[in-house]
Protein backbone atom coordinates (compact mmCIF):
# COMPACT_ATOMS: atom_id res chain seq x y z
CA MET A 1 169.90 -6.31 69.15
CA GLU A 2 171.14 -9.72 69.98
CA GLN A 3 172.22 -11.00 73.55
CA ILE A 4 175.76 -10.14 74.26
CA ARG A 5 177.68 -12.56 76.33
CA TYR A 6 180.57 -10.65 76.77
CA VAL A 7 182.61 -7.47 76.33
CA LYS A 8 186.81 -7.46 76.12
CA ILE A 9 188.85 -4.52 75.04
CA PRO A 10 192.44 -5.99 74.02
CA LEU A 11 193.02 -3.22 71.95
CA THR A 12 194.22 0.49 72.08
CA GLU A 13 195.41 2.88 69.41
CA THR A 14 196.43 6.62 69.46
CA ARG A 15 195.03 8.72 66.87
CA THR A 16 195.72 11.79 65.52
CA GLU A 17 192.60 12.90 63.70
CA PRO A 18 191.22 15.30 64.50
CA ASN A 19 193.13 15.78 67.58
CA THR A 20 195.42 13.41 69.42
CA HIS A 21 193.32 11.20 71.03
CA VAL A 22 193.15 7.11 72.27
CA VAL A 23 190.59 4.67 70.87
CA TYR A 24 190.02 1.53 72.68
CA GLY A 25 188.76 -1.64 70.87
CA LEU A 26 185.36 -3.03 72.04
CA HIS A 27 185.31 -7.24 70.92
CA VAL A 28 181.62 -7.96 71.41
CA GLN A 29 180.62 -11.39 71.62
CA GLY A 30 177.24 -12.17 70.69
CA PRO A 31 175.37 -16.23 70.55
CA VAL A 32 176.60 -16.73 67.19
CA ARG A 33 178.94 -13.84 65.68
CA SER A 34 181.45 -11.49 67.15
CA TRP A 35 182.51 -7.61 66.17
CA THR A 36 184.90 -4.93 67.21
CA VAL A 37 183.54 -1.19 67.96
CA TRP A 38 185.70 1.79 68.42
CA HIS A 39 185.25 4.00 70.92
CA ARG A 40 187.29 7.05 72.66
CA TYR A 41 186.91 7.91 76.42
CA SER A 42 184.31 10.60 75.42
CA ASP A 43 181.89 8.36 74.61
CA PHE A 44 181.84 6.44 77.62
CA LEU A 45 181.09 9.65 79.56
CA VAL A 46 178.29 9.91 77.01
CA LEU A 47 177.14 6.19 77.81
CA ALA A 48 177.33 6.89 81.40
CA TYR A 49 175.24 10.21 81.08
CA GLU A 50 172.62 8.36 78.91
CA LEU A 51 172.32 5.43 81.56
CA SER A 52 171.70 8.13 84.50
CA ARG A 53 168.93 9.66 82.25
CA GLU A 54 167.49 5.98 81.34
CA PHE A 55 167.51 4.90 84.83
CA PRO A 56 167.27 8.33 87.24
CA GLY A 57 168.65 7.51 90.81
CA SER A 58 170.21 4.68 90.13
CA LEU A 59 173.84 4.09 89.59
CA PRO A 60 175.24 1.44 87.56
CA PRO A 61 177.33 -1.47 88.99
CA GLY A 62 180.65 -0.29 87.69
CA THR A 63 182.37 2.73 88.05
CA LEU A 64 184.31 4.98 85.52
CA PRO A 65 188.10 5.59 85.41
CA PRO A 66 189.31 8.83 85.98
CA LYS A 67 189.75 10.77 82.62
CA ARG A 68 193.80 12.08 83.50
CA SER A 69 196.08 10.53 85.87
CA MET A 70 197.87 12.65 88.58
CA THR A 71 201.22 12.33 86.69
CA SER A 72 199.42 13.96 83.43
CA TRP A 73 197.06 16.25 85.00
CA PHE A 74 198.54 19.15 83.52
CA SER A 75 199.77 17.99 80.40
CA LYS A 76 198.41 16.45 77.48
CA LEU A 77 198.18 12.81 76.46
CA SER A 78 201.32 11.81 74.93
CA SER A 79 202.19 8.18 73.87
CA ASN A 80 204.28 7.94 76.77
CA ASP A 81 201.20 7.42 79.35
CA VAL A 82 201.58 3.53 78.29
CA GLU A 83 200.82 2.65 81.92
CA PHE A 84 197.70 4.63 82.59
CA ILE A 85 196.28 4.07 79.36
CA GLU A 86 196.64 0.22 79.96
CA GLU A 87 195.09 0.62 83.56
CA ARG A 88 192.29 2.61 82.01
CA ARG A 89 191.41 -0.13 79.28
CA HIS A 90 191.25 -2.73 82.08
CA ALA A 91 189.04 -0.45 84.17
CA LEU A 92 186.83 0.17 81.08
CA GLU A 93 186.83 -3.51 80.61
CA ARG A 94 185.48 -3.91 83.99
CA TYR A 95 183.25 -1.37 83.38
CA LEU A 96 181.51 -2.95 80.42
CA GLN A 97 181.30 -6.30 81.68
CA SER A 98 180.21 -5.42 85.18
CA MET A 99 176.60 -4.58 83.63
CA ILE A 100 176.81 -7.62 81.23
CA VAL A 101 177.39 -10.00 84.02
CA CYS A 102 175.18 -8.21 86.47
CA ASP A 103 171.95 -9.87 88.31
CA ASP A 104 169.74 -6.77 87.26
CA ASP A 105 169.07 -7.29 83.85
CA ARG A 106 168.24 -3.90 83.35
CA TRP A 107 171.54 -2.55 82.58
CA ARG A 108 172.45 -5.72 80.03
CA LEU A 109 169.13 -4.96 78.24
CA SER A 110 169.07 -0.76 78.48
CA LYS A 111 168.69 1.12 75.20
CA SER A 112 172.37 3.06 75.62
CA LEU A 113 174.37 0.19 76.29
CA GLN A 114 172.69 -1.73 73.15
CA SER A 115 173.19 1.06 71.20
CA PHE A 116 176.82 1.87 72.67
CA LEU A 117 177.94 -1.76 71.53
CA ALA A 118 175.72 -2.22 68.29
CA PRO A 119 177.22 -2.39 64.74
CA ALA A 120 177.29 0.29 62.40
CA SER A 121 174.02 -1.08 60.37
CA LYS A 122 172.08 -0.60 63.62
CA GLY A 123 172.45 3.19 63.18
CA SER A 124 174.03 3.96 66.86
CA LYS A 125 174.31 7.48 67.58
CA TYR A 126 177.85 6.85 68.97
CA LEU A 127 179.07 6.38 65.76
CA ALA A 128 178.24 9.72 64.21
CA GLY A 129 181.26 11.98 64.25
CA LYS A 130 183.37 10.00 66.84
CA ASN A 131 185.27 7.76 64.51
CA THR A 132 183.74 4.88 65.75
CA SER A 133 183.98 1.92 63.09
CA ILE A 134 183.42 -1.90 63.23
CA SER A 135 184.97 -4.95 61.20
CA ASN A 136 185.14 -8.35 61.67
CA THR A 137 189.07 -8.30 61.61
CA GLY A 138 189.66 -5.23 64.07
CA SER A 139 190.48 -3.04 61.65
CA GLU A 140 188.58 0.80 61.40
CA THR A 141 186.29 1.53 58.67
CA GLY A 142 183.40 3.86 58.41
CA SER A 143 181.51 2.52 55.10
CA LEU A 144 178.47 -0.21 55.39
CA ASN A 145 179.76 -2.70 53.42
CA SER A 146 182.12 -3.31 56.03
CA ASP A 147 178.82 -4.86 58.49
CA SER A 148 176.88 -6.14 55.41
CA SER A 149 178.78 -9.49 56.03
CA TRP A 150 177.05 -9.78 59.06
CA VAL A 151 173.59 -9.46 57.26
CA THR A 152 171.11 -12.55 57.37
CA ALA A 153 167.69 -12.88 55.79
CA ALA A 154 166.42 -12.68 59.41
CA SER A 155 167.88 -9.86 60.76
CA TRP A 156 167.35 -7.65 57.18
CA LEU A 157 163.61 -8.47 58.44
CA ASN A 158 164.20 -7.22 62.02
CA ASP A 159 166.10 -4.11 60.57
CA HIS A 160 163.18 -3.69 58.27
CA ARG A 161 160.82 -3.59 61.31
CA GLU A 162 162.87 -0.82 63.05
CA ALA A 163 162.51 1.38 60.09
CA GLU A 164 158.77 0.90 59.83
CA GLN A 165 158.66 1.77 63.44
CA VAL A 166 160.72 4.86 62.73
CA VAL A 167 157.98 5.84 60.60
CA ARG A 168 155.38 5.10 62.67
CA ASP A 169 156.99 7.62 65.19
CA ILE A 170 157.41 10.22 62.93
CA ARG A 171 153.55 9.99 62.00
CA GLN A 172 153.30 10.14 65.52
CA CYS A 173 155.34 13.37 65.57
CA ILE A 174 153.45 15.30 63.15
CA LEU A 175 149.92 14.25 65.01
CA CYS A 176 151.67 15.80 68.16
CA ARG A 177 152.43 18.75 66.39
CA GLU A 178 148.97 19.11 64.68
CA ASN A 179 147.28 19.03 68.21
CA ALA A 180 150.02 21.28 69.61
CA LEU A 181 149.05 23.78 67.15
CA THR A 182 145.20 23.60 67.65
CA ARG A 183 146.19 24.33 71.78
CA ASN A 184 148.18 27.21 70.24
CA GLU A 185 151.35 25.57 72.23
CA ILE A 186 154.38 26.54 69.70
CA SER A 187 156.87 25.19 71.72
CA THR A 188 155.49 21.78 72.09
CA SER A 189 154.66 22.23 68.19
CA HIS A 190 158.58 23.21 67.66
CA GLN A 191 159.76 20.67 69.22
CA SER A 192 157.62 17.48 67.62
CA LEU A 193 158.82 18.87 64.39
CA LEU A 194 162.12 18.66 65.42
CA GLN A 195 162.28 15.38 66.77
CA ALA A 196 160.72 14.45 63.45
CA LYS A 197 163.66 15.57 61.55
CA ARG A 198 166.01 13.81 63.28
CA GLN A 199 164.04 10.77 62.99
CA LEU A 200 163.89 11.21 59.06
CA THR A 201 167.70 11.39 59.08
CA GLU A 202 167.68 7.84 61.00
CA LEU A 203 164.99 6.56 58.54
CA ALA A 204 167.06 7.72 55.59
CA ARG A 205 170.37 5.92 57.56
CA SER A 206 168.44 2.88 57.78
CA ILE A 207 167.15 2.45 54.27
CA LYS A 208 170.46 2.86 53.22
CA GLY A 209 171.81 -0.26 55.34
CA LEU A 210 168.68 -2.48 54.25
CA GLU A 211 169.59 -1.65 50.57
CA ALA A 212 173.09 -2.46 51.36
CA GLY A 213 171.99 -5.68 53.24
CA LEU A 214 169.79 -6.76 50.54
CA GLU A 215 172.55 -6.27 48.11
CA GLN A 216 174.75 -8.68 50.21
CA ILE A 217 171.97 -11.39 50.58
CA LYS A 218 170.11 -11.80 47.08
CA GLY A 219 172.04 -14.73 46.15
CA SER A 220 170.46 -16.63 49.00
CA LEU A 221 166.76 -15.66 48.23
CA THR A 222 164.60 -16.99 45.80
CA ALA A 223 163.33 -14.86 43.36
CA GLY A 224 159.96 -14.22 44.89
CA GLU A 225 161.19 -13.30 48.20
CA LEU A 226 163.82 -10.99 46.37
CA LEU A 227 161.02 -9.28 44.32
CA ARG A 228 159.02 -9.17 47.98
CA ARG A 229 161.62 -7.50 49.86
CA GLN A 230 162.80 -5.26 47.33
CA ASP A 231 158.92 -4.09 47.14
CA MET A 232 158.66 -3.58 50.81
CA LEU A 233 161.66 -1.18 50.11
CA MET A 234 160.12 0.64 47.56
CA ARG A 235 157.19 1.46 50.11
CA LEU A 236 159.69 2.33 52.66
CA ASN A 237 161.03 4.72 50.09
CA GLU A 238 157.95 6.15 49.29
CA ASP A 239 157.04 6.82 52.92
CA LYS A 240 160.47 8.48 53.47
CA ALA A 241 160.04 10.51 50.49
CA ASN A 242 155.92 11.65 51.60
CA LEU A 243 157.24 12.32 55.18
CA THR A 244 160.19 14.52 53.87
CA ARG A 245 157.74 16.63 52.24
CA ILE A 246 155.39 17.03 54.72
CA VAL A 247 157.86 17.71 57.22
CA THR A 248 159.84 20.00 55.40
CA GLY A 249 156.76 21.79 53.78
CA PRO A 250 154.80 24.98 54.97
CA ASN A 251 151.77 23.15 56.28
CA VAL A 252 151.81 20.21 58.36
CA ALA A 253 148.27 18.29 58.72
CA SER A 254 146.20 21.25 58.78
CA SER A 255 142.73 19.88 58.53
CA SER A 256 141.10 17.04 59.94
CA GLY A 257 141.01 15.12 56.74
CA ASP A 258 144.85 15.32 56.78
CA ARG A 259 144.73 13.57 60.44
CA SER A 260 142.44 10.96 59.26
CA ALA A 261 144.60 10.47 56.21
CA LEU A 262 147.61 10.17 58.32
CA LEU A 263 146.09 7.59 60.47
CA ASP A 264 144.68 5.79 57.72
CA GLY A 265 148.45 5.66 56.07
CA ALA A 266 149.77 3.92 59.51
CA SER A 267 147.16 1.30 59.87
CA SER A 268 147.64 0.31 56.25
CA ALA A 269 151.46 -0.08 56.05
CA SER A 270 151.09 -3.99 55.12
CA GLY A 271 148.84 -3.39 51.81
CA SER A 272 150.45 -3.73 48.14
CA THR A 273 148.50 -0.27 47.17
CA ARG A 274 148.72 2.15 49.65
CA VAL A 275 148.00 5.89 49.92
CA ILE A 276 151.09 7.74 51.31
CA GLY A 277 150.27 10.74 52.81
CA TRP A 278 147.45 13.31 52.88
CA ALA A 279 144.09 13.76 51.52
CA GLY A 280 141.82 16.63 52.07
CA SER A 281 138.26 17.02 51.76
CA GLY A 282 136.81 18.92 48.37
CA ASN A 283 139.11 20.56 46.22
CA ASN A 284 141.38 22.27 48.61
CA GLY A 285 142.89 19.03 49.75
CA LEU A 286 146.34 18.02 49.38
CA HIS A 287 146.44 14.38 47.61
CA ARG A 288 148.72 11.64 47.33
CA MET A 289 148.44 9.11 44.91
CA PRO A 290 150.75 5.74 44.62
CA GLY A 291 154.02 6.99 42.32
CA SER A 292 152.91 10.53 42.20
CA MET A 293 153.72 14.21 43.49
CA PRO A 294 151.65 15.48 46.07
CA MET A 295 149.51 18.37 44.57
CA HIS A 296 147.63 21.60 45.80
CA SER A 297 144.58 21.79 44.31
CA GLN A 298 144.70 24.59 40.96
CA GLY A 299 144.10 28.25 41.79
CA MET A 300 145.81 28.16 45.20
CA ALA A 301 148.34 30.35 44.25
CA GLN A 302 146.20 32.81 42.10
CA GLN A 303 144.11 33.32 44.88
CA GLY A 304 146.99 34.34 47.22
CA MET A 305 146.15 36.73 50.08
CA SER A 306 142.19 37.30 49.40
CA ASP A 307 141.87 33.52 49.95
CA SER A 308 143.40 33.79 53.32
CA GLY A 309 140.43 36.09 54.21
CA SER A 310 137.94 33.52 53.52
CA ARG A 311 139.19 30.79 55.01
CA GLN A 312 137.56 30.10 58.36
CA ALA A 313 139.15 30.00 61.57
CA PRO A 314 140.41 26.45 62.55
CA ARG A 315 138.17 24.83 64.95
CA SER A 316 138.71 22.52 67.90
CA ARG A 317 139.01 18.86 67.05
CA ARG A 318 138.89 17.70 70.67
CA ILE A 319 136.62 14.80 71.23
CA PHE A 320 134.78 14.58 74.64
CA GLY A 321 136.08 11.96 76.73
CA ASN A 322 139.69 11.84 74.88
CA SER A 323 142.42 12.28 77.61
CA ASN A 324 145.86 13.78 77.19
CA PRO A 325 148.63 11.62 76.09
CA PRO A 326 150.77 10.33 78.90
CA GLN A 327 153.75 12.39 80.07
CA GLU A 328 156.89 10.49 80.28
CA THR A 329 158.44 11.29 83.92
CA ASN A 330 161.71 10.40 85.62
CA GLU A 331 160.20 7.04 87.50
CA THR A 332 158.91 5.84 84.09
CA ARG A 333 161.78 6.62 82.06
CA GLY A 334 163.92 3.14 81.10
CA LEU A 335 161.13 1.13 82.16
CA ASP A 336 159.92 -1.73 79.83
CA ASN A 337 156.39 -3.14 80.08
CA GLN A 338 156.89 -5.22 82.88
CA GLY A 339 158.82 -2.38 84.65
CA LEU A 340 155.45 -0.07 84.21
CA LEU A 341 153.19 -2.85 85.68
CA GLN A 342 155.54 -3.52 88.73
CA LEU A 343 155.35 0.43 89.03
CA GLN A 344 151.44 0.32 88.71
CA ASN A 345 151.23 -2.66 91.03
CA ASP A 346 153.87 -0.81 94.01
CA ARG A 347 151.47 2.47 93.46
CA MET A 348 148.42 0.58 94.00
CA GLN A 349 149.65 -1.48 97.12
CA GLU A 350 150.99 2.30 98.36
CA GLN A 351 147.48 3.38 97.79
CA ASP A 352 146.04 0.37 99.62
CA ARG A 353 148.14 0.90 102.78
CA ILE A 354 147.20 4.61 102.72
CA ALA A 355 143.87 3.90 102.66
CA SER A 356 144.02 0.94 105.31
CA GLU A 357 145.86 3.54 107.79
CA PHE A 358 143.33 6.19 106.91
CA SER A 359 140.51 4.11 107.69
CA LEU A 360 142.22 2.92 110.80
CA LEU A 361 142.59 6.44 111.53
CA LEU A 362 139.15 6.64 111.38
CA ARG A 363 137.67 3.87 113.26
CA ARG A 364 140.22 5.32 116.33
CA GLN A 365 138.73 8.77 115.88
CA ARG A 366 135.15 7.31 115.98
CA GLU A 367 135.95 5.18 118.94
CA MET A 368 137.46 8.29 120.71
CA GLY A 369 134.17 9.96 119.70
CA HIS A 370 132.10 7.56 121.79
CA ALA A 371 134.40 7.39 124.47
CA ILE A 372 133.84 11.34 124.90
CA GLY A 373 129.99 10.66 124.30
CA ASP A 374 129.76 8.30 126.85
CA GLU A 375 131.86 10.82 129.18
CA LEU A 376 129.44 13.67 128.70
CA ASP A 377 126.46 11.50 129.00
CA LEU A 378 128.04 10.45 132.77
CA GLN A 379 129.03 13.72 133.72
CA ASN A 380 125.02 15.01 132.67
CA GLN A 381 123.78 12.44 135.10
CA LEU A 382 126.10 13.50 137.62
CA LEU A 383 125.14 17.17 137.44
CA THR A 384 121.52 16.06 137.83
CA GLU A 385 121.87 14.28 140.25
CA LEU A 386 123.63 16.84 142.12
CA ASP A 387 120.90 19.16 141.07
CA GLN A 388 118.61 17.03 143.07
CA ASP A 389 120.93 16.89 145.86
CA LEU A 390 120.70 20.67 146.14
CA ASP A 391 116.60 20.41 145.99
CA ARG A 392 116.86 17.92 148.43
CA THR A 393 119.15 20.13 150.91
CA GLY A 394 117.62 23.37 150.17
CA ASN A 395 114.19 21.97 151.25
CA LYS A 396 115.78 20.44 154.42
CA LEU A 397 117.35 23.93 155.35
CA ALA A 398 113.82 25.42 154.58
CA ALA A 399 112.42 23.36 157.43
CA ALA A 400 114.90 23.71 159.45
CA ARG A 401 114.68 27.43 159.58
CA ARG A 402 110.61 27.47 160.10
CA GLN A 403 111.28 25.12 163.23
CA ALA A 404 113.75 27.87 164.55
CA ASN A 405 111.32 30.25 163.68
CA ARG A 406 108.94 28.51 165.89
CA LEU A 407 111.09 28.06 168.86
């Protein structure tokens, strides 16, 4: 999303659908354009929750105002609460503006805030089912055409790159599901499948926005550029259709050939003729040709249950030297590449400090060992001298006893 200069909330409206509530018109100013986004107070609560998940242990520079005033605590919100709504409007504006102008730019660049303030074509998760809309005049609308006037040739390419990234994420989810099934991790496999289905919904929404945007800007494109972008959209639709069949089908990447086909499809996304989908080995594979439907091998339905007994058990495809994928933690969640590098440097410095303290402790213990050894040597020497003195004293006593006997 483009850099946001400031956010103001000049408008409020009271709506009755699905129930009586107040929405706030957020006027967002970018470097070139500006737009208006409508949110209710519960959306701000969702934003605060998402920020707490994105940056655990850190508090935003501003605070949200309370949901109700003291006078209306035991009563429903009514049109007479104009004074409280006006105070909340100013407080919400200060809350958003504090993150925009904060010296710590992680709040301004956070995914949660960017999605919260994004136009509808970006597929913001706050827009679904929350009466949120944008328009260049501040009026409410729910269609993609209201935002299509903001589409440019460059922004369309950026949106297309984001859609391609969603396709790669879906492929990664399918691979994670396959690996989880190999390790018999049913819960992880189910979570990966649900994530893939959610991203498929996001991909469908992005493709609709791209189609509407291309229809809007086709007058400013050359014939060759328009054909190229239409071909890009067609390949994206093929990816979506194929991935939908894979995710909603009974089997997902059940062989090593499927995995290699998946990786090949992910790496050859820029080719003019692509094999989108899965390719097995032999006659039992699932093939996908450009512009064709995936088909199982003939005779699979006739074999029925008798064929399941002859199938070999899935063999482990773990390769020596491969490590498990890194797991997201509360410390790394919400960090970009620079933040991860800084965290790694801090960890290494902390380990160096602990190692230096440990070496200092070992050196001190070694010095104490040397001192104890010297003390033991001294005590042994004193005991030896005492033994010698005792021998001399015993000899003298024996000589004195002999002289006394003679006397």
